[in-house]
């Protein structure tokens, strides 16, 4: 497994719309291993999408299971995902591996239903709410060439420079929660 280079703003390749996956083969599985290694290497990354590593296919990984009190479906690899129903709205703070210096407040659907394929091409369906729904929507935006900063109501009031601070006692630098 390799940790892949992450494209960061202002790289124009982040604006490309991704194509559907058509081949569910060993090469795809090898890429998924590298994509997961890259997600795990990111600071507190709960998700990653293939376009962030310059592969413009409709692939994403989300795992919010490390967040306490968060309802979730575990480690998800979603291929060709689509939202088939959504409802409600919530504002929440988001960060992104491709926008490492900022976080921002974004309005997203509070509940979604999605359809996707697993790494072998089998159909999947999920109903999601809260943070997991937000994370999936955030990663799905990458598939359409969008970043969370494209969804800010106002760059003046809803965009924040990410701060790094030290935790008392351990001397470890930690990014601001976002």
Protein backbone atom coordinates (compact mmCIF):
# COMPACT_ATOMS: atom_id res chain seq x y z
CA UNK A 1 0.00 0.00 0.00
CA UNK A 2 1.19 3.47 -0.87
CA UNK A 3 0.25 6.84 0.54
CA UNK A 4 -0.75 8.91 -2.47
CA UNK A 5 -0.19 12.64 -3.00
CA UNK A 6 -3.25 14.73 -2.19
CA UNK A 7 -4.21 17.54 -4.54
CA UNK A 8 -4.73 20.82 -2.70
CA UNK A 9 -6.39 24.09 -3.54
CA UNK A 10 -5.87 25.88 -5.95
CA UNK A 11 -5.13 22.81 -8.13
CA UNK A 12 -7.62 22.93 -11.01
CA UNK A 13 -7.78 19.13 -11.20
CA UNK A 14 -9.98 19.24 -8.08
CA UNK A 15 -12.69 20.86 -10.24
CA UNK A 16 -13.03 17.91 -12.64
CA UNK A 17 -16.20 15.83 -12.68
CA UNK A 18 -15.46 12.14 -12.15
CA UNK A 19 -16.52 9.26 -14.39
CA UNK A 20 -18.36 6.18 -13.14
CA UNK A 21 -16.38 3.06 -12.32
CA UNK A 22 -17.04 0.35 -14.89
CA UNK A 23 -14.42 -2.29 -14.02
CA UNK A 24 -14.41 -3.94 -10.62
CA UNK A 25 -11.09 -5.75 -10.81
CA UNK A 26 -7.79 -6.28 -9.05
CA UNK A 27 -6.45 -2.92 -10.17
CA UNK A 28 -9.44 -1.21 -8.52
CA UNK A 29 -8.86 -3.17 -5.30
CA UNK A 30 -5.17 -2.17 -5.27
CA UNK A 31 -6.14 1.48 -5.74
CA UNK A 32 -8.68 1.20 -2.89
CA UNK A 33 -5.91 -0.08 -0.60
CA UNK A 34 -3.76 2.94 -1.51
CA UNK A 35 -6.70 5.33 -1.07
CA UNK A 36 -7.39 3.92 2.40
CA UNK A 37 -3.70 4.21 3.35
CA UNK A 38 -3.83 7.84 2.22
CA UNK A 39 -6.98 8.53 4.28
CA UNK A 40 -5.39 6.99 7.36
CA UNK A 41 -2.25 9.10 6.88
CA UNK A 42 -4.31 12.32 6.86
CA UNK A 43 -4.79 14.20 10.11
CA UNK A 44 -8.10 13.00 11.59
CA UNK A 45 -9.49 12.24 8.11
CA UNK A 46 -12.87 10.49 8.22
CA UNK A 47 -13.19 10.41 4.44
CA UNK A 48 -11.42 10.69 1.12
CA UNK A 49 -12.50 10.68 -2.50
CA UNK A 50 -10.56 9.44 -5.52
CA UNK A 51 -10.36 12.88 -7.21
CA UNK A 52 -8.34 14.14 -4.24
CA UNK A 53 -5.50 11.87 -5.39
CA UNK A 54 -5.98 12.73 -9.08
CA UNK A 55 -8.05 9.69 -10.02
CA UNK A 56 -11.25 11.02 -11.49
CA UNK A 57 -13.58 8.13 -10.81
CA UNK A 58 -16.66 8.02 -8.58
CA UNK A 59 -15.02 6.38 -5.56
CA UNK A 60 -15.03 7.43 -1.91
CA UNK A 61 -14.21 6.05 1.51
CA UNK A 62 -15.89 7.20 4.72
CA UNK A 63 -15.39 5.91 8.25
CA UNK A 64 -16.80 7.96 11.13
CA UNK A 65 -16.69 5.07 13.62
CA UNK A 66 -13.94 6.75 15.68
CA UNK A 67 -16.29 9.60 16.64
CA UNK A 68 -18.05 8.91 19.91
CA UNK A 69 -21.85 9.03 20.00
CA UNK A 70 -22.04 9.03 16.19
CA UNK A 71 -24.45 6.68 14.47
CA UNK A 72 -22.64 5.02 11.57
CA UNK A 73 -22.38 2.07 9.20
CA UNK A 74 -18.68 1.43 9.86
CA UNK A 75 -15.98 1.60 7.22
CA UNK A 76 -17.64 2.35 3.88
CA UNK A 77 -16.19 2.06 0.41
CA UNK A 78 -18.77 3.56 -1.92
CA UNK A 79 -18.40 3.28 -5.67
CA UNK A 80 -20.67 5.23 -8.02
CA UNK A 81 -22.69 6.59 -5.07
CA UNK A 82 -25.84 8.60 -5.61
CA UNK A 83 -28.24 10.26 -3.21
CA UNK A 84 -31.74 9.00 -3.95
CA UNK A 85 -33.52 10.93 -1.19
CA UNK A 86 -32.62 13.68 1.23
CA UNK A 87 -34.40 15.74 3.86
CA UNK A 88 -33.74 18.37 6.47
CA UNK A 89 -30.89 20.84 6.78
CA UNK A 90 -28.06 21.27 9.27
CA UNK A 91 -25.12 23.62 9.44
CA UNK A 92 -21.82 22.12 10.52
CA UNK A 93 -18.08 22.81 10.47
CA UNK A 94 -16.09 20.94 7.84
CA UNK A 95 -12.44 20.56 6.98
CA UNK A 96 -10.78 18.87 4.04
CA UNK A 97 -7.46 17.26 3.16
CA UNK A 98 -7.52 19.28 -0.08
CA UNK A 99 -8.07 22.58 1.79
CA UNK A 100 -5.64 22.04 4.66
CA UNK A 101 -5.49 25.59 6.00
CA UNK A 102 -9.21 26.26 6.48
CA UNK A 103 -12.45 24.96 7.93
CA UNK A 104 -15.90 26.30 7.23
CA UNK A 105 -19.59 26.18 8.07
CA UNK A 106 -21.60 24.35 5.43
CA UNK A 107 -25.33 23.59 5.16
CA UNK A 108 -26.05 19.95 4.26
CA UNK A 109 -29.01 17.59 4.28
CA UNK A 110 -29.46 16.08 7.74
CA UNK A 111 -30.77 12.72 6.42
CA UNK A 112 -29.93 10.97 3.16
CA UNK A 113 -30.59 7.69 1.42
CA UNK A 114 -27.89 6.52 -0.95
CA UNK A 115 -27.29 3.77 -3.46
CA UNK A 116 -23.79 2.69 -4.43
CA UNK A 117 -21.68 -0.32 -5.37
CA UNK A 118 -19.16 -2.14 -3.20
CA UNK A 119 -15.61 -2.93 -4.44
CA UNK A 120 -16.90 -6.08 -6.17
CA UNK A 121 -19.75 -4.26 -7.94
CA UNK A 122 -22.53 -5.48 -5.65
CA UNK A 123 -25.35 -3.01 -4.93
CA UNK A 124 -25.48 -1.21 -1.57
CA UNK A 125 -28.17 0.96 0.02
CA UNK A 126 -27.91 3.02 3.19
CA UNK A 127 -29.93 5.51 5.18
CA UNK A 128 -27.71 7.98 7.00
CA UNK A 129 -28.12 10.86 9.37
CA UNK A 130 -26.03 13.42 11.20
CA UNK A 131 -22.26 13.44 10.88
CA UNK A 132 -22.09 10.32 8.70
CA UNK A 133 -24.55 11.87 6.21
CA UNK A 134 -22.48 15.07 6.23
CA UNK A 135 -19.22 13.19 5.61
CA UNK A 136 -20.69 11.24 2.68
CA UNK A 137 -22.12 14.41 1.11
CA UNK A 138 -18.76 16.16 1.54
CA UNK A 139 -16.92 13.33 -0.23
CA UNK A 140 -19.58 13.04 -2.95
CA UNK A 141 -19.05 16.72 -3.74
CA UNK A 142 -15.45 15.88 -4.72
CA UNK A 143 -16.84 13.53 -7.38
CA UNK A 144 -18.58 16.52 -8.96
CA UNK A 145 -15.60 18.86 -8.74
CA UNK A 146 -16.84 20.73 -5.66
CA UNK A 147 -15.07 21.59 -2.41
CA UNK A 148 -16.70 22.59 0.88
CA UNK A 149 -15.61 26.19 0.23
CA UNK A 150 -17.91 26.18 -2.82
CA UNK A 151 -20.85 25.60 -0.46
CA UNK A 152 -20.12 28.32 2.11
CA UNK A 153 -22.92 30.82 2.52
CA UNK A 154 -20.30 33.54 3.02
CA UNK A 155 -16.52 33.34 2.75
CA UNK A 156 -16.37 36.37 5.02
CA UNK A 157 -18.33 34.87 7.95
CA UNK A 158 -18.23 31.08 7.42
CA UNK A 159 -14.57 30.40 6.55
CA UNK A 160 -11.99 30.01 9.31
CA UNK A 161 -8.21 29.63 9.27
CA UNK A 162 -7.34 26.27 10.83
CA UNK A 163 -5.44 26.71 14.06
CA UNK A 164 -2.79 24.43 15.48
CA UNK A 165 -2.45 24.34 19.21
CA UNK A 166 -0.77 22.27 21.88
CA UNK A 167 -2.70 20.00 24.19
CA UNK A 168 -1.92 20.61 27.82
CA UNK A 169 0.61 18.12 29.07
CA UNK A 170 1.49 16.17 25.96
CA UNK A 171 3.28 18.71 23.79
CA UNK A 172 1.64 17.27 20.67
CA UNK A 173 0.46 19.70 17.98
CA UNK A 174 -3.19 19.06 17.13
CA UNK A 175 -5.33 20.64 14.41
CA UNK A 176 -8.49 22.44 15.42
CA UNK A 177 -11.48 20.12 15.43
CA UNK A 178 -13.52 20.65 12.31
